PDB file of all heavy atoms in Angstrom:
ATOM      1  N   SER A   1      -9.874  -7.499  -6.378  1.00  0.00           N
ATOM      2  CA  SER A   1     -10.481  -6.392  -5.693  1.00  0.00           C
ATOM      3  C   SER A   1      -9.476  -5.912  -4.538  1.00  0.00           C
ATOM      4  O   SER A   1      -8.781  -6.727  -4.007  1.00  0.00           O
ATOM      5  CB  SER A   1     -11.861  -6.883  -4.962  1.00  0.00           C
ATOM      6  OG  SER A   1     -12.719  -7.206  -5.912  1.00  0.00           O
ATOM      7  N   THR A   2      -9.522  -4.652  -4.195  1.00  0.00           N
ATOM      8  CA  THR A   2      -8.662  -4.009  -3.293  1.00  0.00           C
ATOM      9  C   THR A   2      -9.630  -3.161  -2.257  1.00  0.00           C
ATOM     10  O   THR A   2     -10.638  -2.759  -2.591  1.00  0.00           O
ATOM     11  CB  THR A   2      -7.657  -3.085  -3.911  1.00  0.00           C
ATOM     12  OG1 THR A   2      -8.302  -2.084  -4.643  1.00  0.00           O
ATOM     13  CG2 THR A   2      -6.724  -3.872  -4.812  1.00  0.00           C
ATOM     14  N   ASP A   3      -9.016  -3.064  -1.091  1.00  0.00           N
ATOM     15  CA  ASP A   3      -9.620  -2.257  -0.006  1.00  0.00           C
ATOM     16  C   ASP A   3      -8.504  -1.654   0.822  1.00  0.00           C
ATOM     17  O   ASP A   3      -7.405  -2.131   0.958  1.00  0.00           O
ATOM     18  CB  ASP A   3     -10.539  -3.158   0.816  1.00  0.00           C
ATOM     19  CG  ASP A   3     -11.524  -2.348   1.680  1.00  0.00           C
ATOM     20  OD1 ASP A   3     -11.678  -1.141   1.331  1.00  0.00           O
ATOM     21  OD2 ASP A   3     -12.088  -2.856   2.556  1.00  0.00           O
ATOM     22  N   TYR A   4      -8.803  -0.457   1.346  1.00  0.00           N
ATOM     23  CA  TYR A   4      -7.775   0.309   2.102  1.00  0.00           C
ATOM     24  C   TYR A   4      -8.393   0.896   3.432  1.00  0.00           C
ATOM     25  O   TYR A   4      -9.619   1.213   3.485  1.00  0.00           O
ATOM     26  CB  TYR A   4      -7.279   1.430   1.217  1.00  0.00           C
ATOM     27  CG  TYR A   4      -6.652   0.883  -0.060  1.00  0.00           C
ATOM     28  CD1 TYR A   4      -7.401   0.778  -1.279  1.00  0.00           C
ATOM     29  CD2 TYR A   4      -5.331   0.619  -0.161  1.00  0.00           C
ATOM     30  CE1 TYR A   4      -6.839   0.418  -2.390  1.00  0.00           C
ATOM     31  CE2 TYR A   4      -4.739   0.169  -1.315  1.00  0.00           C
ATOM     32  CZ  TYR A   4      -5.464   0.067  -2.424  1.00  0.00           C
ATOM     33  OH  TYR A   4      -4.916  -0.332  -3.696  1.00  0.00           O
ATOM     34  N   ALA A   5      -7.532   1.028   4.353  1.00  0.00           N
ATOM     35  CA  ALA A   5      -7.907   1.819   5.627  1.00  0.00           C
ATOM     36  C   ALA A   5      -8.068   3.173   5.092  1.00  0.00           C
ATOM     37  O   ALA A   5      -7.458   3.832   4.202  1.00  0.00           O
ATOM     38  CB  ALA A   5      -6.780   1.693   6.629  1.00  0.00           C
ATOM     39  N   ASP A   6      -9.021   3.823   5.868  1.00  0.00           N
ATOM     40  CA  ASP A   6      -9.332   5.300   5.535  1.00  0.00           C
ATOM     41  C   ASP A   6      -7.996   6.150   5.590  1.00  0.00           C
ATOM     42  O   ASP A   6      -7.966   7.139   4.765  1.00  0.00           O
ATOM     43  CB  ASP A   6     -10.333   5.826   6.470  1.00  0.00           C
ATOM     44  CG  ASP A   6     -11.696   5.214   6.239  1.00  0.00           C
ATOM     45  OD1 ASP A   6     -11.985   4.710   5.129  1.00  0.00           O
ATOM     46  OD2 ASP A   6     -12.524   5.316   7.077  1.00  0.00           O
ATOM     47  N   SER A   7      -7.160   5.786   6.517  1.00  0.00           N
ATOM     48  CA  SER A   7      -5.947   6.696   6.727  1.00  0.00           C
ATOM     49  C   SER A   7      -5.018   6.621   5.489  1.00  0.00           C
ATOM     50  O   SER A   7      -4.168   7.475   5.370  1.00  0.00           O
ATOM     51  CB  SER A   7      -5.173   6.214   7.845  1.00  0.00           C
ATOM     52  OG  SER A   7      -4.836   4.847   7.873  1.00  0.00           O
ATOM     53  N   VAL A   8      -5.068   5.650   4.639  1.00  0.00           N
ATOM     54  CA  VAL A   8      -4.177   5.497   3.394  1.00  0.00           C
ATOM     55  C   VAL A   8      -4.933   5.578   2.087  1.00  0.00           C
ATOM     56  O   VAL A   8      -4.237   5.625   1.116  1.00  0.00           O
ATOM     57  CB  VAL A   8      -3.331   4.242   3.539  1.00  0.00           C
ATOM     58  CG1 VAL A   8      -2.644   4.099   4.875  1.00  0.00           C
ATOM     59  CG2 VAL A   8      -4.174   3.001   3.261  1.00  0.00           C
ATOM     60  N   LYS A   9      -6.222   5.508   2.150  1.00  0.00           N
ATOM     61  CA  LYS A   9      -7.074   5.629   0.945  1.00  0.00           C
ATOM     62  C   LYS A   9      -6.581   6.814   0.052  1.00  0.00           C
ATOM     63  O   LYS A   9      -6.527   7.999   0.483  1.00  0.00           O
ATOM     64  CB  LYS A   9      -8.492   5.653   1.232  1.00  0.00           C
ATOM     65  CG  LYS A   9      -9.414   5.131   0.121  1.00  0.00           C
ATOM     66  CD  LYS A   9     -10.852   4.899   0.663  1.00  0.00           C
ATOM     67  CE  LYS A   9     -10.916   3.800   1.643  1.00  0.00           C
ATOM     68  NZ  LYS A   9     -12.300   3.611   2.062  1.00  0.00           N
ATOM     69  N   GLY A  10      -6.443   6.496  -1.242  1.00  0.00           N
ATOM     70  CA  GLY A  10      -5.968   7.613  -2.146  1.00  0.00           C
ATOM     71  C   GLY A  10      -4.509   7.821  -2.194  1.00  0.00           C
ATOM     72  O   GLY A  10      -4.135   8.482  -3.180  1.00  0.00           O
ATOM     73  N   ARG A  11      -3.759   7.256  -1.310  1.00  0.00           N
ATOM     74  CA  ARG A  11      -2.332   7.411  -1.329  1.00  0.00           C
ATOM     75  C   ARG A  11      -1.460   6.084  -1.577  1.00  0.00           C
ATOM     76  O   ARG A  11      -0.526   6.120  -2.028  1.00  0.00           O
ATOM     77  CB  ARG A  11      -1.869   7.955   0.040  1.00  0.00           C
ATOM     78  CG  ARG A  11      -2.541   9.335   0.383  1.00  0.00           C
ATOM     79  CD  ARG A  11      -1.897  10.011   1.526  1.00  0.00           C
ATOM     80  NE  ARG A  11      -2.114   9.200   2.761  1.00  0.00           N
ATOM     81  CZ  ARG A  11      -1.082   8.692   3.532  1.00  0.00           C
ATOM     82  NH1 ARG A  11       0.136   8.962   3.250  1.00  0.00           N
ATOM     83  NH2 ARG A  11      -1.435   7.979   4.653  1.00  0.00           N
ATOM     84  N   PHE A  12      -2.134   5.052  -1.084  1.00  0.00           N
ATOM     85  CA  PHE A  12      -1.512   3.675  -1.161  1.00  0.00           C
ATOM     86  C   PHE A  12      -2.188   2.871  -2.183  1.00  0.00           C
ATOM     87  O   PHE A  12      -3.354   2.950  -2.260  1.00  0.00           O
ATOM     88  CB  PHE A  12      -1.514   2.962   0.138  1.00  0.00           C
ATOM     89  CG  PHE A  12      -0.648   3.493   1.254  1.00  0.00           C
ATOM     90  CD1 PHE A  12       0.054   4.763   1.078  1.00  0.00           C
ATOM     91  CD2 PHE A  12      -0.445   2.757   2.448  1.00  0.00           C
ATOM     92  CE1 PHE A  12       0.825   5.224   2.225  1.00  0.00           C
ATOM     93  CE2 PHE A  12       0.443   3.242   3.397  1.00  0.00           C
ATOM     94  CZ  PHE A  12       0.971   4.586   3.317  1.00  0.00           C
ATOM     95  N   THR A  13      -1.390   1.957  -2.879  1.00  0.00           N
ATOM     96  CA  THR A  13      -1.980   1.098  -3.857  1.00  0.00           C
ATOM     97  C   THR A  13      -1.342  -0.293  -3.670  1.00  0.00           C
ATOM     98  O   THR A  13      -0.149  -0.390  -3.666  1.00  0.00           O
ATOM     99  CB  THR A  13      -1.780   1.528  -5.265  1.00  0.00           C
ATOM    100  OG1 THR A  13      -2.355   2.826  -5.567  1.00  0.00           O
ATOM    101  CG2 THR A  13      -2.403   0.584  -6.305  1.00  0.00           C
ATOM    102  N   ILE A  14      -2.189  -1.343  -3.423  1.00  0.00           N
ATOM    103  CA  ILE A  14      -1.742  -2.626  -3.284  1.00  0.00           C
ATOM    104  C   ILE A  14      -1.873  -3.358  -4.564  1.00  0.00           C
ATOM    105  O   ILE A  14      -2.860  -3.174  -5.367  1.00  0.00           O
ATOM    106  CB  ILE A  14      -2.564  -3.418  -2.242  1.00  0.00           C
ATOM    107  CG1 ILE A  14      -1.891  -4.788  -1.898  1.00  0.00           C
ATOM    108  CG2 ILE A  14      -4.015  -3.537  -2.481  1.00  0.00           C
ATOM    109  CD1 ILE A  14      -2.500  -5.513  -0.628  1.00  0.00           C
ATOM    110  N   SER A  15      -0.949  -4.208  -4.906  1.00  0.00           N
ATOM    111  CA  SER A  15      -0.962  -4.938  -6.207  1.00  0.00           C
ATOM    112  C   SER A  15      -0.196  -6.198  -6.043  1.00  0.00           C
ATOM    113  O   SER A  15       0.530  -6.503  -4.986  1.00  0.00           O
ATOM    114  CB  SER A  15      -0.370  -4.095  -7.334  1.00  0.00           C
ATOM    115  OG  SER A  15       0.920  -3.850  -7.152  1.00  0.00           O
ATOM    116  N   ARG A  16      -0.316  -7.076  -7.015  1.00  0.00           N
ATOM    117  CA  ARG A  16       0.448  -8.352  -6.875  1.00  0.00           C
ATOM    118  C   ARG A  16       0.883  -8.774  -8.283  1.00  0.00           C
ATOM    119  O   ARG A  16       0.338  -8.358  -9.293  1.00  0.00           O
ATOM    120  CB  ARG A  16      -0.528  -9.388  -6.343  1.00  0.00           C
ATOM    121  CG  ARG A  16      -1.737  -9.624  -7.237  1.00  0.00           C
ATOM    122  CD  ARG A  16      -2.866 -10.460  -6.593  1.00  0.00           C
ATOM    123  NE  ARG A  16      -2.470 -11.708  -6.078  1.00  0.00           N
ATOM    124  CZ  ARG A  16      -2.963 -12.350  -5.115  1.00  0.00           C
ATOM    125  NH1 ARG A  16      -3.905 -11.795  -4.429  1.00  0.00           N
ATOM    126  NH2 ARG A  16      -2.491 -13.465  -4.782  1.00  0.00           N
ATOM    127  N   ASP A  17       1.999  -9.610  -8.301  1.00  0.00           N
ATOM    128  CA  ASP A  17       2.415 -10.177  -9.538  1.00  0.00           C
ATOM    129  C   ASP A  17       2.448 -11.725  -9.372  1.00  0.00           C
ATOM    130  O   ASP A  17       3.485 -12.161  -8.566  1.00  0.00           O
ATOM    131  CB  ASP A  17       3.838  -9.701  -9.945  1.00  0.00           C
ATOM    132  CG  ASP A  17       4.401 -10.126 -11.236  1.00  0.00           C
ATOM    133  OD1 ASP A  17       3.941 -11.344 -11.580  1.00  0.00           O
ATOM    134  OD2 ASP A  17       5.180  -9.572 -11.861  1.00  0.00           O
ATOM    135  N   ASN A  18       1.528 -12.404  -9.623  1.00  0.00           N
ATOM    136  CA  ASN A  18       1.410 -13.884  -9.338  1.00  0.00           C
ATOM    137  C   ASN A  18       2.490 -14.646  -9.916  1.00  0.00           C
ATOM    138  O   ASN A  18       3.055 -15.651  -9.380  1.00  0.00           O
ATOM    139  CB  ASN A  18       0.014 -14.412  -9.761  1.00  0.00           C
ATOM    140  CG  ASN A  18      -1.020 -13.879  -8.933  1.00  0.00           C
ATOM    141  OD1 ASN A  18      -0.940 -13.493  -7.852  1.00  0.00           O
ATOM    142  ND2 ASN A  18      -2.340 -13.744  -9.551  1.00  0.00           N
ATOM    143  N   ALA A  19       3.091 -14.305 -11.172  1.00  0.00           N
ATOM    144  CA  ALA A  19       4.154 -14.899 -11.691  1.00  0.00           C
ATOM    145  C   ALA A  19       5.383 -14.807 -10.979  1.00  0.00           C
ATOM    146  O   ALA A  19       6.285 -15.717 -10.981  1.00  0.00           O
ATOM    147  CB  ALA A  19       4.343 -14.366 -13.118  1.00  0.00           C
ATOM    148  N   LYS A  20       5.516 -13.761 -10.158  1.00  0.00           N
ATOM    149  CA  LYS A  20       6.661 -13.599  -9.297  1.00  0.00           C
ATOM    150  C   LYS A  20       6.462 -13.917  -7.813  1.00  0.00           C
ATOM    151  O   LYS A  20       7.295 -13.752  -7.001  1.00  0.00           O
ATOM    152  CB  LYS A  20       7.230 -12.121  -9.461  1.00  0.00           C
ATOM    153  CG  LYS A  20       7.672 -11.765 -10.797  1.00  0.00           C
ATOM    154  CD  LYS A  20       8.279 -10.358 -10.799  1.00  0.00           C
ATOM    155  CE  LYS A  20       8.787 -10.049 -12.184  1.00  0.00           C
ATOM    156  NZ  LYS A  20       9.290  -8.643 -12.320  1.00  0.00           N
ATOM    157  N   ASN A  21       5.215 -14.329  -7.511  1.00  0.00           N
ATOM    158  CA  ASN A  21       4.831 -14.623  -6.118  1.00  0.00           C
ATOM    159  C   ASN A  21       5.229 -13.469  -5.194  1.00  0.00           C
ATOM    160  O   ASN A  21       5.663 -13.545  -4.137  1.00  0.00           O
ATOM    161  CB  ASN A  21       5.497 -15.846  -5.642  1.00  0.00           C
ATOM    162  CG  ASN A  21       5.110 -17.195  -6.350  1.00  0.00           C
ATOM    163  OD1 ASN A  21       3.954 -17.242  -6.923  1.00  0.00           O
ATOM    164  ND2 ASN A  21       6.056 -18.143  -6.418  1.00  0.00           N
ATOM    165  N   THR A  22       4.840 -12.195  -5.663  1.00  0.00           N
ATOM    166  CA  THR A  22       5.171 -10.966  -5.012  1.00  0.00           C
ATOM    167  C   THR A  22       3.990 -10.111  -4.850  1.00  0.00           C
ATOM    168  O   THR A  22       3.207  -9.974  -5.808  1.00  0.00           O
ATOM    169  CB  THR A  22       6.332 -10.303  -5.772  1.00  0.00           C
ATOM    170  OG1 THR A  22       7.469 -11.183  -5.787  1.00  0.00           O
ATOM    171  CG2 THR A  22       6.761  -9.095  -4.979  1.00  0.00           C
ATOM    172  N   LEU A  23       3.925  -9.557  -3.681  1.00  0.00           N
ATOM    173  CA  LEU A  23       2.873  -8.509  -3.330  1.00  0.00           C
ATOM    174  C   LEU A  23       3.667  -7.259  -3.203  1.00  0.00           C
ATOM    175  O   LEU A  23       4.700  -7.147  -2.714  1.00  0.00           O
ATOM    176  CB  LEU A  23       2.238  -8.932  -1.995  1.00  0.00           C
ATOM    177  CG  LEU A  23       1.033  -8.113  -1.596  1.00  0.00           C
ATOM    178  CD1 LEU A  23      -0.244  -8.446  -2.436  1.00  0.00           C
ATOM    179  CD2 LEU A  23       0.716  -8.454  -0.079  1.00  0.00           C
ATOM    180  N   TYR A  24       2.937  -6.142  -3.559  1.00  0.00           N
ATOM    181  CA  TYR A  24       3.576  -4.813  -3.597  1.00  0.00           C
ATOM    182  C   TYR A  24       2.622  -3.785  -2.841  1.00  0.00           C
ATOM    183  O   TYR A  24       1.444  -4.050  -2.753  1.00  0.00           O
ATOM    184  CB  TYR A  24       3.729  -4.266  -4.992  1.00  0.00           C
ATOM    185  CG  TYR A  24       4.626  -5.144  -5.827  1.00  0.00           C
ATOM    186  CD1 TYR A  24       4.113  -5.918  -6.885  1.00  0.00           C
ATOM    187  CD2 TYR A  24       5.994  -5.085  -5.699  1.00  0.00           C
ATOM    188  CE1 TYR A  24       4.889  -6.780  -7.657  1.00  0.00           C
ATOM    189  CE2 TYR A  24       6.883  -5.881  -6.567  1.00  0.00           C
ATOM    190  CZ  TYR A  24       6.309  -6.642  -7.477  1.00  0.00           C
ATOM    191  OH  TYR A  24       7.042  -7.473  -8.306  1.00  0.00           O
ATOM    192  N   LEU A  25       3.259  -2.768  -2.295  1.00  0.00           N
ATOM    193  CA  LEU A  25       2.430  -1.735  -1.801  1.00  0.00           C
ATOM    194  C   LEU A  25       3.171  -0.414  -2.253  1.00  0.00           C
ATOM    195  O   LEU A  25       4.195   0.038  -1.839  1.00  0.00           O
ATOM    196  CB  LEU A  25       2.395  -1.689  -0.242  1.00  0.00           C
ATOM    197  CG  LEU A  25       1.567  -0.651   0.386  1.00  0.00           C
ATOM    198  CD1 LEU A  25       0.103  -0.961  -0.053  1.00  0.00           C
ATOM    199  CD2 LEU A  25       1.763  -0.612   1.927  1.00  0.00           C
ATOM    200  N   GLN A  26       2.516   0.382  -3.120  1.00  0.00           N
ATOM    201  CA  GLN A  26       2.994   1.636  -3.587  1.00  0.00           C
ATOM    202  C   GLN A  26       2.485   2.716  -2.702  1.00  0.00           C
ATOM    203  O   GLN A  26       1.244   2.811  -2.412  1.00  0.00           O
ATOM    204  CB  GLN A  26       2.506   1.914  -4.976  1.00  0.00           C
ATOM    205  CG  GLN A  26       2.932   3.318  -5.471  1.00  0.00           C
ATOM    206  CD  GLN A  26       4.515   3.415  -5.738  1.00  0.00           C
ATOM    207  OE1 GLN A  26       5.105   2.516  -6.188  1.00  0.00           O
ATOM    208  NE2 GLN A  26       4.973   4.574  -5.331  1.00  0.00           N
ATOM    209  N   MET A  27       3.345   3.413  -1.971  1.00  0.00           N
ATOM    210  CA  MET A  27       3.000   4.452  -1.016  1.00  0.00           C
ATOM    211  C   MET A  27       3.401   5.741  -1.471  1.00  0.00           C
ATOM    212  O   MET A  27       4.655   6.072  -1.681  1.00  0.00           O
ATOM    213  CB  MET A  27       3.580   4.085   0.260  1.00  0.00           C
ATOM    214  CG  MET A  27       3.284   2.750   0.786  1.00  0.00           C
ATOM    215  SD  MET A  27       3.973   2.343   2.619  1.00  0.00           S
ATOM    216  CE  MET A  27       5.674   2.632   2.319  1.00  0.00           C
ATOM    217  N   ASN A  28       2.393   6.678  -1.745  1.00  0.00           N
ATOM    218  CA  ASN A  28       2.657   8.027  -2.216  1.00  0.00           C
ATOM    219  C   ASN A  28       2.315   8.945  -1.048  1.00  0.00           C
ATOM    220  O   ASN A  28       1.468   8.670  -0.319  1.00  0.00           O
ATOM    221  CB  ASN A  28       1.933   8.313  -3.531  1.00  0.00           C
ATOM    222  CG  ASN A  28       2.362   7.417  -4.733  1.00  0.00           C
ATOM    223  OD1 ASN A  28       3.496   6.988  -4.665  1.00  0.00           O
ATOM    224  ND2 ASN A  28       1.396   7.026  -5.575  1.00  0.00           N
ATOM    225  N   SER A  29       2.753  10.223  -1.277  1.00  0.00           N
ATOM    226  CA  SER A  29       2.279  11.373  -0.358  1.00  0.00           C
ATOM    227  C   SER A  29       2.459  10.833   1.025  1.00  0.00           C
ATOM    228  O   SER A  29       1.546  11.079   1.840  1.00  0.00           O
ATOM    229  CB  SER A  29       0.944  11.789  -0.736  1.00  0.00           C
ATOM    230  OG  SER A  29       0.767  12.215  -1.901  1.00  0.00           O
ATOM    231  N   LEU A  30       3.634  10.316   1.376  1.00  0.00           N
ATOM    232  CA  LEU A  30       3.829   9.769   2.706  1.00  0.00           C
ATOM    233  C   LEU A  30       3.752  10.905   3.721  1.00  0.00           C
ATOM    234  O   LEU A  30       4.196  12.024   3.570  1.00  0.00           O
ATOM    235  CB  LEU A  30       5.168   9.004   2.711  1.00  0.00           C
ATOM    236  CG  LEU A  30       5.102   7.620   2.285  1.00  0.00           C
ATOM    237  CD1 LEU A  30       6.425   7.110   1.805  1.00  0.00           C
ATOM    238  CD2 LEU A  30       4.314   6.672   3.074  1.00  0.00           C
ATOM    239  N   LYS A  31       3.287  10.451   4.887  1.00  0.00           N
ATOM    240  CA  LYS A  31       3.034  11.325   6.061  1.00  0.00           C
ATOM    241  C   LYS A  31       3.889  10.887   7.269  1.00  0.00           C
ATOM    242  O   LYS A  31       4.065   9.649   7.365  1.00  0.00           O
ATOM    243  CB  LYS A  31       1.606  11.507   6.508  1.00  0.00           C
ATOM    244  CG  LYS A  31       0.734  11.964   5.299  1.00  0.00           C
ATOM    245  CD  LYS A  31      -0.801  11.951   5.762  1.00  0.00           C
ATOM    246  CE  LYS A  31      -1.687  12.439   4.676  1.00  0.00           C
ATOM    247  NZ  LYS A  31      -3.132  12.353   5.101  1.00  0.00           N
ATOM    248  N   PRO A  32       4.291  11.654   8.144  1.00  0.00           N
ATOM    249  CA  PRO A  32       4.861  11.165   9.412  1.00  0.00           C
ATOM    250  C   PRO A  32       4.172  10.053  10.117  1.00  0.00           C
ATOM    251  O   PRO A  32       4.755   9.124  10.710  1.00  0.00           O
ATOM    252  CB  PRO A  32       5.121  12.467  10.233  1.00  0.00           C
ATOM    253  CG  PRO A  32       5.208  13.539   9.251  1.00  0.00           C
ATOM    254  CD  PRO A  32       4.308  13.123   8.166  1.00  0.00           C
ATOM    255  N   GLU A  33       2.906  10.139  10.175  1.00  0.00           N
ATOM    256  CA  GLU A  33       2.042   9.148  10.792  1.00  0.00           C
ATOM    257  C   GLU A  33       2.030   7.774  10.079  1.00  0.00           C
ATOM    258  O   GLU A  33       1.540   6.890  10.645  1.00  0.00           O
ATOM    259  CB  GLU A  33       0.572   9.632  10.954  1.00  0.00           C
ATOM    260  CG  GLU A  33      -0.130  10.183   9.748  1.00  0.00           C
ATOM    261  CD  GLU A  33      -0.039  11.767   9.596  1.00  0.00           C
ATOM    262  OE1 GLU A  33       1.075  12.236   9.947  1.00  0.00           O
ATOM    263  OE2 GLU A  33      -1.020  12.406   9.226  1.00  0.00           O
ATOM    264  N   ASP A  34       2.664   7.675   8.898  1.00  0.00           N
ATOM    265  CA  ASP A  34       2.808   6.390   8.120  1.00  0.00           C
ATOM    266  C   ASP A  34       4.112   5.619   8.713  1.00  0.00           C
ATOM    267  O   ASP A  34       4.175   4.535   8.379  1.00  0.00           O
ATOM    268  CB  ASP A  34       2.893   6.727   6.669  1.00  0.00           C
ATOM    269  CG  ASP A  34       1.716   7.222   6.167  1.00  0.00           C
ATOM    270  OD1 ASP A  34       0.588   6.799   6.432  1.00  0.00           O
ATOM    271  OD2 ASP A  34       1.841   8.030   5.240  1.00  0.00           O
ATOM    272  N   THR A  35       4.830   6.320   9.637  1.00  0.00           N
ATOM    273  CA  THR A  35       5.987   5.716  10.161  1.00  0.00           C
ATOM    274  C   THR A  35       5.543   4.377  10.954  1.00  0.00           C
ATOM    275  O   THR A  35       4.755   4.491  11.805  1.00  0.00           O
ATOM    276  CB  THR A  35       6.761   6.652  11.047  1.00  0.00           C
ATOM    277  OG1 THR A  35       7.172   7.704  10.264  1.00  0.00           O
ATOM    278  CG2 THR A  35       7.930   5.904  11.722  1.00  0.00           C
ATOM    279  N   ALA A  36       6.123   3.273  10.461  1.00  0.00           N
ATOM    280  CA  ALA A  36       5.803   2.014  11.180  1.00  0.00           C
ATOM    281  C   ALA A  36       6.702   0.928  10.593  1.00  0.00           C
ATOM    282  O   ALA A  36       7.338   1.152   9.535  1.00  0.00           O
ATOM    283  CB  ALA A  36       4.370   1.695  10.897  1.00  0.00           C
ATOM    284  N   VAL A  37       6.617  -0.337  11.159  1.00  0.00           N
ATOM    285  CA  VAL A  37       7.056  -1.441  10.505  1.00  0.00           C
ATOM    286  C   VAL A  37       5.949  -2.128   9.699  1.00  0.00           C
ATOM    287  O   VAL A  37       4.839  -2.320  10.188  1.00  0.00           O
ATOM    288  CB  VAL A  37       7.640  -2.522  11.454  1.00  0.00           C
ATOM    289  CG1 VAL A  37       8.194  -3.748  10.730  1.00  0.00           C
ATOM    290  CG2 VAL A  37       8.783  -1.798  12.317  1.00  0.00           C
ATOM    291  N   TYR A  38       6.268  -2.391   8.411  1.00  0.00           N
ATOM    292  CA  TYR A  38       5.152  -2.843   7.484  1.00  0.00           C
ATOM    293  C   TYR A  38       5.444  -4.342   7.306  1.00  0.00           C
ATOM    294  O   TYR A  38       6.575  -4.744   7.039  1.00  0.00           O
ATOM    295  CB  TYR A  38       5.177  -2.055   6.168  1.00  0.00           C
ATOM    296  CG  TYR A  38       4.636  -0.722   6.265  1.00  0.00           C
ATOM    297  CD1 TYR A  38       5.307   0.250   7.021  1.00  0.00           C
ATOM    298  CD2 TYR A  38       3.430  -0.462   5.738  1.00  0.00           C
ATOM    299  CE1 TYR A  38       4.645   1.561   7.053  1.00  0.00           C
ATOM    300  CE2 TYR A  38       2.732   0.836   5.865  1.00  0.00           C
ATOM    301  CZ  TYR A  38       3.449   1.777   6.462  1.00  0.00           C
ATOM    302  OH  TYR A  38       2.865   3.040   6.646  1.00  0.00           O
TER     303      TYR A  38
END
């Protein structure tokens, strides 16, 4: 199950690859207000 802040809903997608012990964040349609350290 996934959940998103309203500000990124529809643009960001969180996913995981358990075999690689890795978490991902696909960020599309980026906006200047997305500028931050993640």
